[in-house]
Every structure is written in structure tokens, then in C-alpha cells.
Amino acid sequence: MVSERPPRSPPPHERRIFLLAALAGFPPLVLALVFLWIGDFSTKLRWTVLILAGGWWLGITLALREAVVRPLQTLSNMLAALREEDFSIRARGARADDALGLAFLEANTLGETLRSQRLGAVETSALMRKVMDVIDVALFAFDADGRLRLVNRAGERLLDQAEERIVGRDAASLGLADCLEGEAPRTMNAVFPGSAGRWEIRRTPFRQHGRPHVLLVLSDLSRTLREEELAAWQRLVRVLSHEINNSLAPIKSIAGSLRDLAQREPRPPDLDADVGRGLAVIEGRAGALGQFIASYARLTRLPAPQRAPLDVETWVRRVIALETRLPVRLESGPATTIRADGDQLDQLLINLVRNAVDAALETQGGVSVGWRTRNGTFELRVDDEGPGLVDTANLFVPFFTTKPSGSGIGLALSRQIAEAHGGTLTVENRRGRKGVQARLRIPIQR
């Protein structure tokens, strides 16, 4: 025996609308029928009016129910489509001067906004995927269970496997478990199926679909370090060969001349004087070469700063008093005491002031020194009114100099001192005015 399902009753809201519409017309209909029945009318007329009035009442009730329920069904269909990410449905009758039309207008606007946002999200996702595939950094995204959910092409090359073969696997089976543990960022030596070397490890958490994930970034430092090391060696060899050749060339020439003089027969009467002058030149060039090597050794053996309280104004006044070629204008700043190595900062400021005075003397300009504090940072500036800088790219390259008698280590050593104190040193042309400004920034340690 098959049981039949009971007929489906109208939803509660639709039933309430129907009952309210029916109750609204029921009292006048009953009252009209009562007067019709107690009046002196024929039976045919009574039944005719009853049928017409009842039909009209029922029709109006159904029409009212339809007018209320149908727009709600339309809105619900639109919302369901939006929930299913179908943004192509639009409601007709949208207008701003009608309550129902305004609701349709807002629903259509919402659909258009969601469509634009969805399109933007898809385009952004595609762009991010392209960027991930192009950059030469291995990217891996792991979920909360430690399973791989996303990898770029660099990551595929690192693991020497295609994306479809590694997505869904855990970090341990991929050889990345150590990268997900420990502090980050950090560097480590590691061997992967597709490459080996020194790697920088970075991790950052993010959420996708409400669930926590971890983004793992592996940067290959080996090639960068090799390139930087090669460039440093090339610069060093270029500078050393230039300086050594400058000293060896005259030494070789004078030594050859002295040998020719010593081999002459008869012996020249002024041989002793020539030999003395030649040996003096050789001694001078050898001494200059020794000073150059000593300067290089000094640059590479800068000791760690021995910090102690240092009154800024006393320090600055003491250093600028050493410069006698040109009066240096002091623009005093706020009373400030920093913890620093006074001897090293003396050397730094002496180099900056000397360079500024050298430049100012070329144009008969002036030099000023001042300082200020801002956001926990001490900032010292040295301004000159010289001709300005032409080559700013090589300012801090060791042994690079534009001065005929310069050593090329002053700014390089000064920047090392600044960085050893946790600060920075910049040298650039002044804006809107001629000359150069050197700016030293050091955190104030209390």
C-alpha cells in the first residue's frame, strides 16, 4: 500500500496575506448580502448579486495576494542567484519613485556591484598568479594541517616536480618541514631536489576561506652573494691595480734608468747624485703604496664602537675648531646627549667637515654644521656651498676619489662608523641651492 503525500499547504506568509485580504473584504460583503436578503428582492437577483459579489471578492483577494507575494519571490530568486554567484539576473520594474521599484533597483545595483567585485577579484587573482609564476622566488602555501595548497613555478623547479604531483602533500614528504619551524626570517644551507645553496626563509600567516594558512618564501641567496662577491672583487682588483700600477710604473722606470747609469763606462761624474734622487723617488712611491695598503687595512678592521655618553654640542664644537682653513658656522640644535664612540664619531665628523671645506674653497662659499632630534633619532647635517656632486654613484666605493691627493676611504670609513652605531650616512646635492649636504642619523639610546 502506497501512502499518498498530503497536499502541500501554502506557506505561512502567503496564507497570512490571503487571509488578511479576505478579511478586509468580508465584512462589507456580509453586510451587503444581509441587506439584500432582508429587502424585497427576487431570489434570482439575490443569487446573481451573491455570485458576482463573491467572485469579485475572491478575485480581488487573490490579486492582492499575488501582488504582494510575486515581488518577494522575485527578490528571493535574485538573492539565491547572487548566493550562487550568478550575477546576470536583473529585476524588471526598477525605479526610484516607487517603494517596490526602489527595492528592485537596489537589488539590481547590488548584483552589479558584486559582479564588478567578482570580476576584479578574478582579475586580481589571475594577476597574482602571473606574478607568482614570474618572480624568481619559491612560494609555498600550507594549510593548518601542514599540507601544500599552492606553489609557483619557482617552487616547482626547487622541488623538481610538477604542481599537480605535490599539491596536497604534507611538508615533511616535500622536505620543507624544517622551513616551517624555527625563527623567521633566517638563512640556512639546504639541499633540495632541484637546487642547493644558501636560502633565506620567510613565513607569514594568512587566511583563506576563513581557515589559517602559512605562506613560505624561499629566496636563493647563493647566486646573489656570488654576484655581489664577484662585483666586490672586481672593484677591489680594479682599484688596487690602479694604485699599485701608479706606484710601480715610476719605480720601474727609475730603476731601469739607474741600471743604465750604473752600466755606463766610464762612470758618469754625477752618478751618485742621480742614484740618490732616484732612490728618493722610489722610497717616496714605496711609502705612498705602504700608506695605501695601511688605509685599506684600517678600513677592513674597524673595531666595534665603545659607547659612552657624548654631549653633542661639545663634540661638534671640538671638531669644527680643528678646521683652520675656513670658519665653520655652527647652528646649534637642542641640548642632546647620545651614547656613542666619541673617537669614531670624531673621525667621521672630521672627514665630513674636511670634505665640505675642500668643496667650499673652490667657490669661496661657506660651511655650516647643525643638528636636531626627531622621533628618537639624532640627525646631524654638514652643508657646504661648493660646486656640488657630479658622480654620486661611487661616493662610498672604497678608494674612489675625485681629489688629486685624496685617499678614497674617508666616506667609506665614515659610513662604516655610522652603520656600526645603528645609523645611516647620506651625501647628496642640496635641493634648490648649490652645494652638498651630508646627513648623519643615529638612534638615541638612553
Protein backbone atom coordinates (compact mmCIF):
# COMPACT_ATOMS: atom_id res chain seq x y z
CA MET A 1 0.00 0.00 0.00
CA VAL A 2 1.49 3.28 -1.11
CA SER A 3 0.71 6.23 1.11
CA GLU A 4 -0.11 9.45 -0.66
CA ARG A 5 1.61 12.65 0.41
CA PRO A 6 -0.80 15.19 1.77
CA PRO A 7 -1.32 18.24 -0.43
CA ARG A 8 1.18 20.95 0.25
CA SER A 9 -0.34 23.85 2.12
CA PRO A 10 0.52 27.44 1.19
CA PRO A 11 3.48 28.93 3.04
CA PRO A 12 2.59 30.80 6.24
CA HIS A 13 3.34 34.26 4.80
CA GLU A 14 1.25 33.68 1.69
CA ARG A 15 -1.58 32.24 3.80
CA ARG A 16 -1.49 35.27 6.08
CA ILE A 17 -1.66 37.63 3.10
CA PHE A 18 -4.62 35.70 1.67
CA LEU A 19 -6.49 35.68 5.00
CA LEU A 20 -5.87 39.39 5.63
CA ALA A 21 -7.08 40.27 2.14
CA ALA A 22 -10.13 38.07 2.60
CA LEU A 23 -10.95 39.56 6.00
CA ALA A 24 -10.62 43.07 4.60
CA GLY A 25 -13.45 42.46 2.12
CA PHE A 26 -15.57 40.04 4.16
CA PRO A 27 -17.47 42.48 6.48
CA PRO A 28 -18.83 44.77 3.72
CA LEU A 29 -19.74 41.73 1.64
CA VAL A 30 -21.69 40.15 4.51
CA LEU A 31 -23.40 43.44 5.30
CA ALA A 32 -24.42 43.91 1.67
CA LEU A 33 -25.81 40.39 1.50
CA VAL A 34 -27.79 40.88 4.72
CA PHE A 35 -29.47 43.98 3.34
CA LEU A 36 -30.01 42.21 0.07
CA TRP A 37 -31.69 39.22 1.78
CA ILE A 38 -33.96 41.17 4.09
CA GLY A 39 -35.00 43.51 1.31
CA ASP A 40 -37.83 42.96 -1.13
CA PHE A 41 -35.78 41.42 -3.94
CA SER A 42 -36.35 38.39 -6.06
CA THR A 43 -34.49 35.19 -5.47
CA LYS A 44 -32.86 35.37 -8.88
CA LEU A 45 -31.48 38.81 -8.15
CA ARG A 46 -30.25 37.75 -4.76
CA TRP A 47 -28.29 34.80 -6.12
CA THR A 48 -26.95 36.83 -9.03
CA VAL A 49 -25.62 39.54 -6.74
CA LEU A 50 -24.26 36.91 -4.35
CA ILE A 51 -22.31 35.18 -7.13
CA LEU A 52 -21.00 38.43 -8.63
CA ALA A 53 -20.02 39.91 -5.25
CA GLY A 54 -18.42 36.66 -4.06
CA GLY A 55 -16.48 36.25 -7.28
CA TRP A 56 -15.31 39.87 -7.18
CA TRP A 57 -14.26 39.48 -3.53
CA LEU A 58 -12.36 36.28 -4.21
CA GLY A 59 -10.66 37.72 -7.32
CA ILE A 60 -9.54 40.87 -5.53
CA THR A 61 -8.20 38.75 -2.64
CA LEU A 62 -6.19 36.51 -4.95
CA ALA A 63 -4.91 39.51 -6.93
CA LEU A 64 -3.79 41.25 -3.75
CA ARG A 65 -2.06 38.10 -2.59
CA GLU A 66 -0.30 37.79 -5.96
CA ALA A 67 0.75 41.46 -5.93
CA VAL A 68 2.40 41.03 -2.56
CA VAL A 69 3.91 37.55 -2.93
CA ARG A 70 5.21 37.71 -6.52
CA PRO A 71 7.75 40.58 -5.95
CA LEU A 72 9.01 38.80 -2.85
CA GLN A 73 9.55 35.65 -4.89
CA THR A 74 11.43 37.69 -7.49
CA LEU A 75 13.68 39.18 -4.83
CA SER A 76 14.29 35.77 -3.28
CA ASN A 77 15.23 34.34 -6.69
CA MET A 78 17.68 37.21 -7.21
CA LEU A 79 19.25 36.68 -3.79
CA ALA A 80 19.53 32.96 -4.44
CA ALA A 81 21.26 33.69 -7.75
CA LEU A 82 23.66 36.08 -6.04
CA ARG A 83 24.39 33.45 -3.42
CA GLU A 84 25.22 31.03 -6.24
CA GLU A 85 27.47 33.74 -7.74
CA ASP A 86 25.18 34.23 -10.74
CA PHE A 87 25.18 37.99 -11.25
CA SER A 88 23.34 38.06 -14.59
CA ILE A 89 19.76 38.18 -13.25
CA ARG A 90 18.05 41.57 -13.08
CA ALA A 91 14.58 42.53 -11.85
CA ARG A 92 12.18 44.45 -14.11
CA GLY A 93 10.34 47.47 -12.86
CA ALA A 94 13.26 49.01 -11.01
CA ARG A 95 12.56 52.69 -10.36
CA ALA A 96 13.44 55.22 -7.69
CA ASP A 97 9.97 56.79 -7.25
CA ASP A 98 8.27 53.62 -6.04
CA ALA A 99 8.88 51.60 -2.88
CA LEU A 100 8.86 48.23 -4.64
CA GLY A 101 10.73 49.62 -7.64
CA LEU A 102 13.33 51.07 -5.28
CA ALA A 103 13.83 47.62 -3.73
CA PHE A 104 14.32 46.15 -7.22
CA LEU A 105 16.70 49.00 -8.09
CA GLU A 106 18.82 48.34 -5.00
CA ALA A 107 18.86 44.60 -5.73
CA ASN A 108 19.99 45.27 -9.31
CA THR A 109 22.67 47.67 -8.04
CA LEU A 110 23.85 45.06 -5.55
CA GLY A 111 24.11 42.47 -8.31
CA GLU A 112 26.11 44.85 -10.50
CA THR A 113 28.43 45.72 -7.60
CA LEU A 114 29.01 42.07 -6.78
CA ARG A 115 29.62 41.32 -10.44
CA SER A 116 32.24 44.08 -10.63
CA GLN A 117 33.87 42.90 -7.42
CA ARG A 118 33.88 39.32 -8.61
CA LEU A 119 35.43 40.35 -11.92
CA GLY A 120 38.04 42.43 -10.09
CA ALA A 121 38.80 39.53 -7.74
CA VAL A 122 39.20 37.14 -10.66
CA GLU A 123 41.48 39.58 -12.50
CA THR A 124 43.50 40.24 -9.34
CA SER A 125 43.82 36.53 -8.69
CA ALA A 126 44.99 35.97 -12.26
CA LEU A 127 47.48 38.82 -11.95
CA MET A 128 48.81 37.48 -8.64
CA ARG A 129 49.18 34.06 -10.19
CA LYS A 130 51.12 35.55 -13.09
CA VAL A 131 53.34 37.50 -10.68
CA MET A 132 53.95 34.37 -8.60
CA ASP A 133 54.93 32.44 -11.71
CA VAL A 134 57.26 35.17 -12.97
CA ILE A 135 59.21 36.02 -9.80
CA ASP A 136 62.35 34.01 -9.14
CA VAL A 137 61.40 33.18 -5.54
CA ALA A 138 59.91 29.88 -4.40
CA LEU A 139 56.46 30.35 -2.83
CA PHE A 140 54.55 27.66 -0.95
CA ALA A 141 51.18 27.96 0.83
CA PHE A 142 50.38 25.37 3.51
CA ASP A 143 47.08 24.90 5.32
CA ALA A 144 46.59 24.34 9.04
CA ASP A 145 47.27 20.61 8.60
CA GLY A 146 50.65 21.31 7.01
CA ARG A 147 49.57 20.28 3.52
CA LEU A 148 50.62 22.17 0.42
CA ARG A 149 47.81 24.11 -1.25
CA LEU A 150 49.62 26.49 -3.59
CA VAL A 151 53.03 26.61 -5.28
CA ASN A 152 54.53 28.76 -8.02
CA ARG A 153 56.84 27.73 -10.85
CA ALA A 154 59.98 28.56 -8.90
CA GLY A 155 58.73 26.22 -6.17
CA GLU A 156 58.12 23.50 -8.74
CA ARG A 157 61.67 23.89 -10.04
CA LEU A 158 63.03 23.84 -6.49
CA LEU A 159 61.29 20.54 -5.73
CA ASP A 160 61.77 19.29 -9.30
CA GLN A 161 58.15 18.20 -9.51
CA ALA A 162 55.01 19.47 -11.22
CA GLU A 163 52.30 21.23 -9.22
CA GLU A 164 49.71 18.50 -9.67
CA ARG A 165 52.09 15.95 -8.12
CA ILE A 166 52.93 17.89 -4.95
CA VAL A 167 49.75 19.83 -4.07
CA GLY A 168 48.03 18.11 -1.17
CA ARG A 169 51.19 16.51 0.20
CA ASP A 170 52.49 17.34 3.67
CA ALA A 171 55.59 19.44 4.28
CA ALA A 172 57.64 16.53 5.67
CA SER A 173 57.28 14.48 2.49
CA LEU A 174 58.35 17.51 0.44
CA GLY A 175 61.42 18.17 2.58
CA LEU A 176 60.10 21.52 3.79
CA ALA A 177 59.24 20.66 7.38
CA ASP A 178 62.37 22.39 8.75
CA CYS A 179 61.42 25.55 6.86
CA LEU A 180 58.07 25.71 8.68
CA GLU A 181 59.75 25.53 12.08
CA GLY A 182 62.15 27.80 13.91
CA GLU A 183 62.52 31.53 13.73
CA ALA A 184 61.92 33.54 10.60
CA PRO A 185 63.35 35.30 8.74
CA ARG A 186 66.62 33.40 8.83
CA THR A 187 69.17 31.93 6.47
CA MET A 188 70.16 28.30 6.16
CA ASN A 189 72.10 25.96 3.92
CA ALA A 190 69.83 23.36 2.37
CA VAL A 191 69.78 20.86 -0.47
CA PHE A 192 66.56 20.40 -2.47
CA PRO A 193 65.91 18.10 -5.42
CA GLY A 194 66.11 20.99 -7.86
CA SER A 195 68.79 23.18 -6.28
CA ALA A 196 71.18 23.56 -3.37
CA GLY A 197 72.78 26.52 -1.66
CA ARG A 198 72.11 29.18 0.94
CA TRP A 199 68.48 30.21 1.38
CA GLU A 200 66.62 32.97 3.15
CA ILE A 201 63.44 31.67 4.82
CA ARG A 202 60.44 33.90 5.42
CA ARG A 203 56.99 32.95 6.67
CA THR A 204 53.78 34.90 7.07
CA PRO A 205 50.31 33.74 8.14
CA PHE A 206 47.16 34.44 6.13
CA ARG A 207 43.59 33.20 5.97
CA GLN A 208 41.78 31.69 3.02
CA HIS A 209 38.11 30.77 3.21
CA GLY A 210 38.28 31.51 6.92
CA ARG A 211 40.98 28.92 7.58
CA PRO A 212 44.56 29.74 8.67
CA HIS A 213 47.38 29.19 6.19
CA VAL A 214 51.11 29.84 6.13
CA LEU A 215 52.96 31.36 3.19
CA LEU A 216 56.55 30.10 2.95
CA VAL A 217 59.05 32.08 0.88
CA LEU A 218 62.46 30.65 -0.04
CA SER A 219 64.96 33.04 -1.64
CA ASP A 220 68.17 31.70 -3.14
CA LEU A 221 70.97 33.85 -1.73
CA SER A 222 73.82 31.88 -3.28
CA ARG A 223 73.64 33.44 -6.72
CA THR A 224 73.13 36.94 -5.33
CA LEU A 225 76.02 36.52 -2.93
CA ARG A 226 78.22 35.17 -5.70
CA GLU A 227 77.34 38.10 -7.94
CA GLU A 228 77.96 40.61 -5.16
CA GLU A 229 81.20 38.88 -4.20
CA LEU A 230 82.37 38.91 -7.81
CA ALA A 231 81.47 42.58 -8.19
CA ALA A 232 83.28 43.42 -4.94
CA TRP A 233 86.38 41.55 -6.07
CA GLN A 234 86.27 43.27 -9.44
CA ARG A 235 86.04 46.69 -7.81
CA LEU A 236 88.81 45.82 -5.37
CA VAL A 237 91.13 44.46 -8.06
CA ARG A 238 90.42 47.47 -10.27
CA VAL A 239 91.28 49.94 -7.51
CA LEU A 240 94.28 48.01 -6.24
CA SER A 241 95.70 47.52 -9.73
CA HIS A 242 95.26 51.22 -10.46
CA GLU A 243 97.01 52.35 -7.29
CA ILE A 244 99.76 49.73 -7.46
CA ASN A 245 100.46 50.48 -11.13
CA ASN A 246 100.65 54.18 -10.34
CA SER A 247 103.42 53.41 -7.86
CA LEU A 248 105.18 50.63 -9.73
CA ALA A 249 105.38 52.45 -13.06
CA PRO A 250 107.75 55.22 -11.86
CA ILE A 251 109.67 52.74 -9.69
CA LYS A 252 110.25 50.51 -12.72
CA SER A 253 111.22 53.45 -14.90
CA ILE A 254 113.68 54.92 -12.39
CA ALA A 255 115.16 51.52 -11.59
CA GLY A 256 115.82 50.96 -15.29
CA SER A 257 117.42 54.36 -15.63
CA LEU A 258 119.68 53.75 -12.62
CA ARG A 259 120.73 50.39 -14.05
CA ASP A 260 121.69 52.03 -17.34
CA LEU A 261 123.70 54.67 -15.49
CA ALA A 262 125.50 52.03 -13.41
CA GLN A 263 126.48 50.07 -16.55
CA ARG A 264 127.99 53.05 -18.37
CA GLU A 265 131.72 53.16 -18.95
CA PRO A 266 133.26 55.45 -17.95
CA ARG A 267 131.23 56.14 -14.85
CA PRO A 268 129.23 59.41 -15.07
CA PRO A 269 130.53 62.07 -12.66
CA ASP A 270 127.02 62.84 -11.29
CA LEU A 271 126.08 59.18 -10.82
CA ASP A 272 125.86 59.43 -7.05
CA ALA A 273 123.50 62.41 -7.23
CA ASP A 274 121.30 60.67 -9.83
CA VAL A 275 121.21 57.48 -7.77
CA GLY A 276 120.27 59.47 -4.68
CA ARG A 277 117.44 61.26 -6.44
CA GLY A 278 116.19 58.04 -8.00
CA LEU A 279 116.24 56.16 -4.71
CA ALA A 280 114.39 59.06 -3.05
CA VAL A 281 111.62 58.81 -5.66
CA ILE A 282 111.47 55.03 -5.20
CA GLU A 283 111.32 55.47 -1.45
CA GLY A 284 108.54 58.03 -1.75
CA ARG A 285 106.43 55.89 -4.06
CA ALA A 286 107.00 52.82 -1.89
CA GLY A 287 105.95 54.81 1.15
CA ALA A 288 102.81 56.05 -0.61
CA LEU A 289 101.97 52.48 -1.60
CA GLY A 290 102.50 51.37 2.00
CA GLN A 291 100.16 54.10 3.25
CA PHE A 292 97.58 52.98 0.73
CA ILE A 293 97.75 49.38 1.95
CA ALA A 294 97.60 50.60 5.56
CA SER A 295 94.49 52.64 4.74
CA TYR A 296 92.86 49.57 3.22
CA ALA A 297 93.73 47.51 6.30
CA ARG A 298 92.26 50.21 8.52
CA LEU A 299 89.04 50.20 6.53
CA THR A 300 88.65 46.44 6.92
CA ARG A 301 89.49 46.32 10.64
CA LEU A 302 87.11 48.89 12.10
CA PRO A 303 86.61 47.91 15.78
CA ALA A 304 83.18 47.75 17.41
CA PRO A 305 82.17 51.12 18.90
CA GLN A 306 82.79 51.60 22.62
CA ARG A 307 79.66 53.50 23.58
CA ALA A 308 79.65 56.18 26.27
CA PRO A 309 77.56 59.33 26.90
CA LEU A 310 78.55 62.04 24.41
CA ASP A 311 77.36 65.65 24.59
CA VAL A 312 76.61 66.65 21.02
CA GLU A 313 77.39 70.36 21.25
CA THR A 314 80.73 69.79 22.96
CA TRP A 315 81.66 67.17 20.39
CA VAL A 316 80.72 69.33 17.39
CA ARG A 317 82.49 72.44 18.74
CA ARG A 318 85.63 70.43 19.41
CA VAL A 319 85.78 69.01 15.90
CA ILE A 320 84.99 72.17 13.92
CA ALA A 321 87.67 74.02 15.93
CA LEU A 322 90.24 71.75 14.28
CA GLU A 323 89.45 73.25 10.87
CA THR A 324 91.57 76.38 10.38
CA ARG A 325 91.30 76.94 6.63
CA LEU A 326 87.75 78.30 6.77
CA PRO A 327 85.43 79.38 9.60
CA VAL A 328 82.69 76.78 10.02
CA ARG A 329 79.32 78.19 11.03
CA LEU A 330 77.70 76.37 13.95
CA GLU A 331 73.89 76.20 14.00
CA SER A 332 73.26 74.81 17.47
CA GLY A 333 70.37 72.42 17.95
CA PRO A 334 68.67 71.20 21.10
CA ALA A 335 70.79 70.02 24.03
CA THR A 336 71.34 66.35 23.24
CA THR A 337 73.38 63.52 24.71
CA ILE A 338 73.86 60.30 22.77
CA ARG A 339 75.61 57.03 23.58
CA ALA A 340 78.35 56.57 21.01
CA ASP A 341 82.06 56.04 20.48
CA GLY A 342 83.48 59.55 20.67
CA ASP A 343 86.75 58.70 18.90
CA GLN A 344 84.98 57.12 15.94
CA LEU A 345 82.48 59.96 15.64
CA ASP A 346 85.37 62.44 15.79
CA GLN A 347 86.88 60.74 12.76
CA LEU A 348 83.53 60.70 10.98
CA LEU A 349 82.82 64.39 11.55
CA ILE A 350 86.42 65.38 10.70
CA ASN A 351 86.02 63.65 7.33
CA LEU A 352 82.69 65.35 6.63
CA VAL A 353 83.88 68.82 7.64
CA ARG A 354 87.13 68.43 5.68
CA ASN A 355 85.27 67.40 2.54
CA ALA A 356 82.83 70.30 2.96
CA VAL A 357 85.65 72.84 3.40
CA ASP A 358 87.51 71.44 0.38
CA ALA A 359 84.40 71.94 -1.73
CA ALA A 360 83.60 75.38 -0.32
CA LEU A 361 87.10 76.70 -1.02
CA GLU A 362 86.60 76.03 -4.73
CA THR A 363 83.72 78.53 -4.89
CA GLN A 364 84.59 80.79 -1.96
CA GLY A 365 81.45 79.53 -0.22
CA GLY A 366 80.70 78.68 3.38
CA VAL A 367 80.19 75.61 5.55
CA SER A 368 77.64 75.09 8.32
CA VAL A 369 77.05 72.32 10.84
CA GLY A 370 73.80 71.77 12.77
CA TRP A 371 71.70 69.07 14.33
CA ARG A 372 68.21 68.19 15.54
CA THR A 373 66.34 65.32 17.14
CA ARG A 374 63.17 63.77 15.76
CA ASN A 375 61.26 60.60 16.65
CA GLY A 376 64.06 59.28 18.85
CA THR A 377 66.73 59.87 16.21
CA PHE A 378 69.69 62.24 16.34
CA GLU A 379 70.30 63.93 12.98
CA LEU A 380 73.49 65.86 12.16
CA ARG A 381 73.94 67.79 8.92
CA VAL A 382 77.00 69.34 7.29
CA ASP A 383 76.21 71.80 4.48
CA ASP A 384 78.64 73.36 2.06
CA GLU A 385 78.27 75.89 -0.74
CA GLY A 386 80.65 74.17 -3.12
CA PRO A 387 80.13 73.14 -6.75
CA GLY A 388 78.10 70.04 -5.85
CA LEU A 389 78.48 66.39 -6.78
CA VAL A 390 78.74 65.04 -10.30
CA ASP A 391 79.21 61.32 -9.65
CA THR A 392 77.03 60.24 -6.70
CA ALA A 393 77.00 56.52 -7.51
CA ASN A 394 80.60 55.88 -6.39
CA LEU A 395 80.75 58.15 -3.35
CA PHE A 396 81.01 55.29 -0.87
CA VAL A 397 83.11 52.97 -3.05
CA PRO A 398 86.41 52.44 -1.21
CA PHE A 399 89.40 54.25 -2.77
CA PHE A 400 87.21 56.17 -5.21
CA THR A 401 88.12 59.86 -5.06
CA THR A 402 87.89 62.97 -7.22
CA LYS A 403 90.61 64.82 -5.29
CA PRO A 404 94.18 64.79 -6.61
CA SER A 405 95.55 63.96 -3.15
CA GLY A 406 92.55 62.04 -1.79
CA SER A 407 92.75 58.50 -0.45
CA GLY A 408 89.17 57.50 -1.24
CA ILE A 409 88.48 55.94 2.16
CA GLY A 410 87.06 58.89 4.10
CA LEU A 411 83.39 58.49 3.18
CA ALA A 412 83.58 54.69 3.11
CA LEU A 413 85.05 54.68 6.63
CA SER A 414 82.52 57.28 7.80
CA ARG A 415 79.60 55.20 6.57
CA GLN A 416 81.01 52.13 8.31
CA ILE A 417 81.18 54.11 11.55
CA ALA A 418 77.59 55.31 11.12
CA GLU A 419 76.28 51.81 10.41
CA ALA A 420 78.26 50.40 13.35
CA HIS A 421 76.24 52.81 15.54
CA GLY A 422 72.98 51.57 14.01
CA GLY A 423 72.63 54.69 11.88
CA THR A 424 72.98 55.91 8.30
CA LEU A 425 75.09 58.42 6.39
CA THR A 426 73.88 60.07 3.19
CA VAL A 427 75.62 62.60 0.95
CA GLU A 428 73.62 64.35 -1.74
CA ASN A 429 73.30 67.65 -3.57
CA ARG A 430 71.25 70.28 -1.78
CA ARG A 431 67.83 70.96 -3.23
CA GLY A 432 67.24 74.43 -4.62
CA ARG A 433 70.71 75.61 -3.61
CA LYS A 434 74.26 74.90 -4.72
CA GLY A 435 76.45 72.66 -2.65
CA VAL A 436 76.25 69.32 -0.87
CA GLN A 437 74.59 68.16 2.33
CA ALA A 438 75.93 65.26 4.38
CA ARG A 439 73.39 63.87 6.84
CA LEU A 440 74.16 61.51 9.73
CA ARG A 441 71.30 59.76 11.55
CA ILE A 442 71.86 57.77 14.75
CA PRO A 443 69.20 56.33 17.10
CA ILE A 444 69.27 57.96 20.53
CA GLN A 445 69.98 55.23 23.11
CA ARG A 446 69.04 56.11 26.64
